[in-house]
């Protein structure tokens, strides 16, 4: 074996050793992964995410996937001759659109189950309707009625604990039940946050289409790798955060303040971003921690 081959082998060993304390620390802990954006649309990125989550499962984590499917829903809405309409970033969901959304999310859900099963891990795909997981109130956008869009009011996590205890990887579509047992579409970020709080997750990871948080989005040197929930609130008050990132950051701080150990905002366009963030000393995204957390 020449020196070059030996160096490559030693580098691989160093990577494994670097990951060891994280594997020990988070063994048997729950991590919720909100999966959406470009990482769902690109087949190669999709496979990488599923490989990452499967590896987390095999090294002792208890992962839960909460997935979106907005782009695919819009595509199918267009196929039936309807035009997707949004108010304040929320999809207007009439009865026909709700039927399409539930069909599409179920299809996406079972595709993800199949990919996990192909890697030798047992997975179960459910929606928030199963086992009474997600109960919702009707959600309004600035006072406007937007149809069957739900705001999570109660989470019953028992079905998730049962699946985790029996060594299954739960994969959840964000659909919930109203008071009259009607189906409601739920923003996947909101569903992931509510579920992470209910199960007491050690980590909640959002796979997004941005690198993480910047104090000034136009200044790449202002990237923030770690901050506390209070510091995140200050960024919001200062007006540093806007657009679609604002509700996501509100979800992040709410999760940390309500029992979730740490929240990660990751660029899902980067291959194996989950592993790089969780198992390396530097990480690649933004981590939001409790105020008493270590910066």
Protein backbone atom coordinates (compact mmCIF):
# COMPACT_ATOMS: atom_id res chain seq x y z
CA UNK A 1 0.00 0.00 0.00
CA UNK A 2 1.53 3.35 -1.02
CA UNK A 3 1.55 6.52 1.12
CA UNK A 4 -1.33 8.08 -0.82
CA UNK A 5 -3.64 5.15 -0.15
CA UNK A 6 -2.61 5.07 3.52
CA UNK A 7 -3.31 8.81 3.85
CA UNK A 8 -6.82 8.37 2.42
CA UNK A 9 -7.53 5.51 4.81
CA UNK A 10 -6.31 7.55 7.78
CA UNK A 11 -8.48 10.51 6.75
CA UNK A 12 -11.53 8.23 6.70
CA UNK A 13 -10.62 6.98 10.18
CA UNK A 14 -10.31 10.56 11.44
CA UNK A 15 -13.78 11.40 10.13
CA UNK A 16 -15.24 8.42 11.99
CA UNK A 17 -13.42 9.35 15.20
CA UNK A 18 -14.69 12.95 14.93
CA UNK A 19 -18.24 11.62 14.69
CA UNK A 20 -17.89 9.31 17.72
CA UNK A 21 -18.72 11.81 20.52
CA UNK A 22 -21.82 12.95 18.66
CA UNK A 23 -22.98 9.39 18.16
CA UNK A 24 -22.47 8.76 21.87
CA UNK A 25 -24.22 11.97 22.94
CA UNK A 26 -27.32 11.55 20.79
CA UNK A 27 -27.71 7.78 20.95
CA UNK A 28 -31.43 6.89 21.36
CA UNK A 29 -32.39 10.57 21.11
CA UNK A 30 -35.15 11.77 18.78
CA UNK A 31 -34.31 14.00 15.83
CA UNK A 32 -37.07 15.47 13.66
CA UNK A 33 -36.15 16.29 10.06
CA UNK A 34 -38.37 18.65 8.09
CA UNK A 35 -37.78 17.65 4.49
CA UNK A 36 -38.77 19.90 1.60
CA UNK A 37 -37.55 22.40 -0.98
CA UNK A 38 -35.02 21.55 -3.68
CA UNK A 39 -33.85 18.49 -1.75
CA UNK A 40 -37.20 16.90 -2.62
CA UNK A 41 -37.29 18.00 -6.26
CA UNK A 42 -33.83 16.73 -7.20
CA UNK A 43 -33.64 12.89 -7.32
CA UNK A 44 -29.94 12.76 -6.39
CA UNK A 45 -30.39 15.12 -3.43
CA UNK A 46 -33.46 13.14 -2.41
CA UNK A 47 -31.45 9.92 -2.27
CA UNK A 48 -28.71 11.66 -0.27
CA UNK A 49 -31.18 12.94 2.33
CA UNK A 50 -32.73 9.52 2.74
CA UNK A 51 -29.27 7.96 3.06
CA UNK A 52 -28.40 10.51 5.76
CA UNK A 53 -31.55 9.84 7.77
CA UNK A 54 -31.12 6.09 7.38
CA UNK A 55 -27.55 6.33 8.65
CA UNK A 56 -28.75 8.34 11.66
CA UNK A 57 -31.17 5.51 12.40
CA UNK A 58 -28.53 2.82 12.06
CA UNK A 59 -26.05 4.54 14.41
CA UNK A 60 -28.61 4.83 17.19
CA UNK A 61 -30.63 8.00 16.59
CA UNK A 62 -34.45 7.93 16.49
CA UNK A 63 -35.24 10.02 13.40
CA UNK A 64 -38.68 11.20 12.33
CA UNK A 65 -39.24 12.73 8.88
CA UNK A 66 -41.92 15.37 8.28
CA UNK A 67 -42.15 16.11 4.57
CA UNK A 68 -43.72 18.75 2.39
CA UNK A 69 -44.77 18.56 -1.24
CA UNK A 70 -45.92 22.02 -2.23
CA UNK A 71 -44.32 22.08 -5.66
CA UNK A 72 -45.78 18.70 -6.55
CA UNK A 73 -49.21 19.79 -5.31
CA UNK A 74 -49.05 22.89 -7.51
CA UNK A 75 -48.09 20.73 -10.49
CA UNK A 76 -51.12 18.46 -10.01
CA UNK A 77 -53.44 21.39 -9.38
CA UNK A 78 -52.33 22.74 -12.76
CA UNK A 79 -52.98 19.34 -14.37
CA UNK A 80 -56.67 19.57 -13.51
CA UNK A 81 -56.90 23.07 -14.93
CA UNK A 82 -56.85 24.98 -11.66
CA UNK A 83 -54.50 27.82 -10.82
CA UNK A 84 -52.59 27.70 -7.55
CA UNK A 85 -53.42 30.73 -5.41
CA UNK A 86 -51.54 31.93 -2.34
CA UNK A 87 -52.31 34.56 0.29
CA UNK A 88 -49.47 35.62 2.61
CA UNK A 89 -47.54 32.55 1.47
CA UNK A 90 -50.38 30.14 2.33
CA UNK A 91 -52.06 28.04 -0.32
CA UNK A 92 -55.76 28.73 -0.78
CA UNK A 93 -57.19 25.23 -0.40
CA UNK A 94 -60.76 24.60 -1.48
CA UNK A 95 -62.32 21.12 -1.21
CA UNK A 96 -61.00 19.99 -4.61
CA UNK A 97 -57.50 21.30 -3.91
CA UNK A 98 -57.53 19.56 -0.52
CA UNK A 99 -58.37 16.29 -2.24
CA UNK A 100 -55.46 16.79 -4.65
CA UNK A 101 -53.10 17.75 -1.83
CA UNK A 102 -53.94 14.66 0.19
CA UNK A 103 -53.49 12.44 -2.86
CA UNK A 104 -50.12 13.99 -3.75
CA UNK A 105 -48.78 13.98 -0.19
CA UNK A 106 -49.76 10.33 0.19
CA UNK A 107 -47.90 9.50 -3.03
CA UNK A 108 -44.79 11.39 -1.88
CA UNK A 109 -45.03 9.73 1.54
CA UNK A 110 -45.00 6.20 0.15
CA UNK A 111 -42.15 7.02 -2.24
CA UNK A 112 -40.03 8.07 0.75
CA UNK A 113 -41.02 4.91 2.65
CA UNK A 114 -39.90 2.82 -0.31
CA UNK A 115 -36.52 4.59 -0.49
CA UNK A 116 -35.87 3.97 3.22
CA UNK A 117 -36.94 0.34 2.96
CA UNK A 118 -34.55 -0.15 0.01
CA UNK A 119 -31.71 0.81 2.37
CA UNK A 120 -32.67 -1.90 4.84
CA UNK A 121 -34.49 0.17 7.46
CA UNK A 122 -38.14 -0.37 8.43
CA UNK A 123 -40.26 2.72 7.76
CA UNK A 124 -43.93 3.52 8.23
CA UNK A 125 -45.66 6.34 6.36
CA UNK A 126 -48.53 8.11 8.09
CA UNK A 127 -50.31 11.44 8.00
CA UNK A 128 -51.32 13.62 10.92
CA UNK A 129 -54.75 11.97 10.72
CA UNK A 130 -53.41 8.59 11.82
CA UNK A 131 -53.75 7.85 15.52
CA UNK A 132 -55.11 11.36 16.04
CA UNK A 133 -51.57 12.71 15.68
CA UNK A 134 -52.41 16.27 14.54
CA UNK A 135 -55.57 18.12 15.57
CA UNK A 136 -56.07 21.50 13.94
CA UNK A 137 -58.11 24.67 13.95
CA UNK A 138 -58.99 26.41 10.72
CA UNK A 139 -56.25 28.87 9.79
CA UNK A 140 -56.85 32.33 8.34
CA UNK A 141 -54.45 34.52 6.36
CA UNK A 142 -54.74 38.08 7.59
CA UNK A 143 -58.38 37.46 8.42
CA UNK A 144 -59.11 35.93 5.01
CA UNK A 145 -60.69 32.50 4.65
CA UNK A 146 -58.22 30.30 2.75
CA UNK A 147 -60.18 27.06 2.94
CA UNK A 148 -58.90 23.80 4.35
CA UNK A 149 -55.64 25.05 5.83
CA UNK A 150 -54.98 23.97 9.39
CA UNK A 151 -53.26 25.49 12.41
CA UNK A 152 -52.01 22.77 14.79
CA UNK A 153 -53.67 23.06 18.18
CA UNK A 154 -52.92 19.63 19.65
CA UNK A 155 -50.46 16.81 19.04
CA UNK A 156 -50.97 13.28 20.34
CA UNK A 157 -47.52 11.70 19.82
CA UNK A 158 -48.38 8.21 21.12
CA UNK A 159 -48.39 6.66 17.65
CA UNK A 160 -44.87 8.04 17.08
CA UNK A 161 -43.57 6.66 20.38
CA UNK A 162 -45.09 3.28 19.52
CA UNK A 163 -43.41 3.24 16.10
CA UNK A 164 -40.04 4.36 17.50
CA UNK A 165 -40.19 1.77 20.30
CA UNK A 166 -40.77 -0.92 17.68
CA UNK A 167 -37.75 0.22 15.64
CA UNK A 168 -39.67 1.91 12.80
CA UNK A 169 -38.73 5.18 11.14
CA UNK A 170 -41.91 7.32 10.98
CA UNK A 171 -42.47 9.43 7.84
CA UNK A 172 -45.26 11.98 8.24
CA UNK A 173 -47.39 13.84 5.69
CA UNK A 174 -48.65 17.19 7.07
CA UNK A 175 -52.41 16.62 7.03
CA UNK A 176 -54.53 16.99 10.16
CA UNK A 177 -58.09 16.60 11.37
CA UNK A 178 -60.49 19.38 12.31
CA UNK A 179 -63.15 19.28 15.00
CA UNK A 180 -65.64 17.77 12.56
CA UNK A 181 -63.03 15.25 11.32
CA UNK A 182 -62.50 17.06 8.03
CA UNK A 183 -59.02 16.99 6.44
CA UNK A 184 -56.80 20.07 6.58
CA UNK A 185 -53.52 20.81 4.84
CA UNK A 186 -50.80 22.00 7.26
CA UNK A 187 -47.64 23.94 6.53
CA UNK A 188 -44.89 21.33 6.86
CA UNK A 189 -42.67 23.67 8.93
CA UNK A 190 -45.51 24.18 11.41
CA UNK A 191 -46.19 20.43 11.57
CA UNK A 192 -42.51 19.60 12.14
CA UNK A 193 -42.20 22.19 14.89
CA UNK A 194 -45.35 20.98 16.68
CA UNK A 195 -44.26 17.34 16.46
CA UNK A 196 -40.70 18.10 17.66
CA UNK A 197 -42.08 19.86 20.74
CA UNK A 198 -44.57 17.07 21.47
CA UNK A 199 -41.96 14.28 21.35
CA UNK A 200 -39.27 16.30 23.16
CA UNK A 201 -36.85 16.04 20.24
CA UNK A 202 -33.18 16.56 20.90
CA UNK A 203 -32.83 18.15 17.47
CA UNK A 204 -35.10 19.65 14.80
CA UNK A 205 -33.48 20.09 11.39
CA UNK A 206 -35.02 22.22 8.64
CA UNK A 207 -33.75 21.42 5.14
CA UNK A 208 -34.11 24.67 3.20
CA UNK A 209 -32.90 26.37 0.02
CA UNK A 210 -30.56 28.76 1.85
CA UNK A 211 -27.21 28.24 3.60
CA UNK A 212 -28.49 29.43 6.98
CA UNK A 213 -28.89 32.81 8.67
CA UNK A 214 -27.03 36.01 7.80
CA UNK A 215 -27.03 39.23 9.81
CA UNK A 216 -26.91 40.96 6.42
CA UNK A 217 -28.10 38.78 3.52
CA UNK A 218 -25.92 40.80 1.12
CA UNK A 219 -22.77 40.22 3.18
CA UNK A 220 -21.58 36.61 3.08
CA UNK A 221 -19.12 37.31 5.91
CA UNK A 222 -22.07 37.96 8.26
CA UNK A 223 -23.07 34.28 8.30
CA UNK A 224 -24.23 33.09 11.74
CA UNK A 225 -23.29 29.54 12.64
CA UNK A 226 -24.76 29.54 16.17
CA UNK A 227 -27.05 31.80 18.17
CA UNK A 228 -29.43 31.62 21.11
CA UNK A 229 -33.21 31.90 20.90
CA UNK A 230 -33.00 35.39 22.44
CA UNK A 231 -30.43 36.48 19.86
CA UNK A 232 -32.70 35.11 17.11
CA UNK A 233 -35.60 37.19 18.49
CA UNK A 234 -33.34 40.25 18.44
CA UNK A 235 -32.52 39.62 14.77
CA UNK A 236 -36.24 39.56 14.02
CA UNK A 237 -36.87 42.77 15.97
CA UNK A 238 -33.98 44.50 14.19
CA UNK A 239 -35.55 43.64 10.82
CA UNK A 240 -32.58 41.53 9.72
CA UNK A 241 -34.83 38.61 8.79
CA UNK A 242 -37.58 38.86 6.22
CA UNK A 243 -39.55 37.01 3.57
CA UNK A 244 -40.14 33.29 3.90
CA UNK A 245 -37.36 33.00 6.48
CA UNK A 246 -39.32 35.00 9.07
CA UNK A 247 -42.02 32.40 9.92
CA UNK A 248 -39.38 29.64 9.80
CA UNK A 249 -37.23 31.48 12.35
CA UNK A 250 -40.29 32.03 14.56
CA UNK A 251 -40.85 28.26 14.43
CA UNK A 252 -37.22 27.65 15.35
CA UNK A 253 -37.22 29.90 18.42
CA UNK A 254 -40.62 28.57 19.53
CA UNK A 255 -39.29 25.01 19.35
CA UNK A 256 -36.17 25.79 21.37
CA UNK A 257 -38.21 27.63 24.01
CA UNK A 258 -40.56 24.66 24.31
CA UNK A 259 -38.29 21.72 24.95
CA UNK A 260 -36.43 21.02 21.70
CA UNK A 261 -32.71 20.78 22.43
CA UNK A 262 -31.40 22.48 19.31
CA UNK A 263 -32.72 23.58 15.92
CA UNK A 264 -30.64 23.47 12.73
CA UNK A 265 -31.28 25.43 9.53
CA UNK A 266 -29.48 23.62 6.72
CA UNK A 267 -29.03 24.01 2.99
CA UNK A 268 -30.70 20.91 1.59
CA UNK A 269 -29.00 21.54 -1.77
CA UNK A 270 -25.69 20.44 -0.23
CA UNK A 271 -25.15 16.70 -0.41
CA UNK A 272 -25.22 15.03 3.03
CA UNK A 273 -25.84 18.35 4.81
CA UNK A 274 -27.40 16.52 7.78
CA UNK A 275 -24.32 14.42 8.43
CA UNK A 276 -21.98 17.39 7.99
CA UNK A 277 -23.94 19.46 10.50
CA UNK A 278 -24.48 16.78 13.13
CA UNK A 279 -21.25 14.78 13.00
CA UNK A 280 -18.54 17.40 12.41
CA UNK A 281 -17.08 19.98 14.78
CA UNK A 282 -17.56 22.90 12.38
CA UNK A 283 -21.01 22.11 10.95
CA UNK A 284 -22.31 23.87 7.85
CA UNK A 285 -25.62 25.51 8.78
CA UNK A 286 -27.07 27.69 11.53
CA UNK A 287 -27.79 26.15 14.94
CA UNK A 288 -30.25 27.81 17.33
CA UNK A 289 -29.76 26.83 20.97
CA UNK A 290 -31.34 27.54 24.33
CA UNK A 291 -30.26 30.76 26.05
CA UNK A 292 -28.26 28.79 28.57
CA UNK A 293 -26.80 26.72 25.74
CA UNK A 294 -23.18 26.66 24.80
CA UNK A 295 -22.26 28.98 21.94
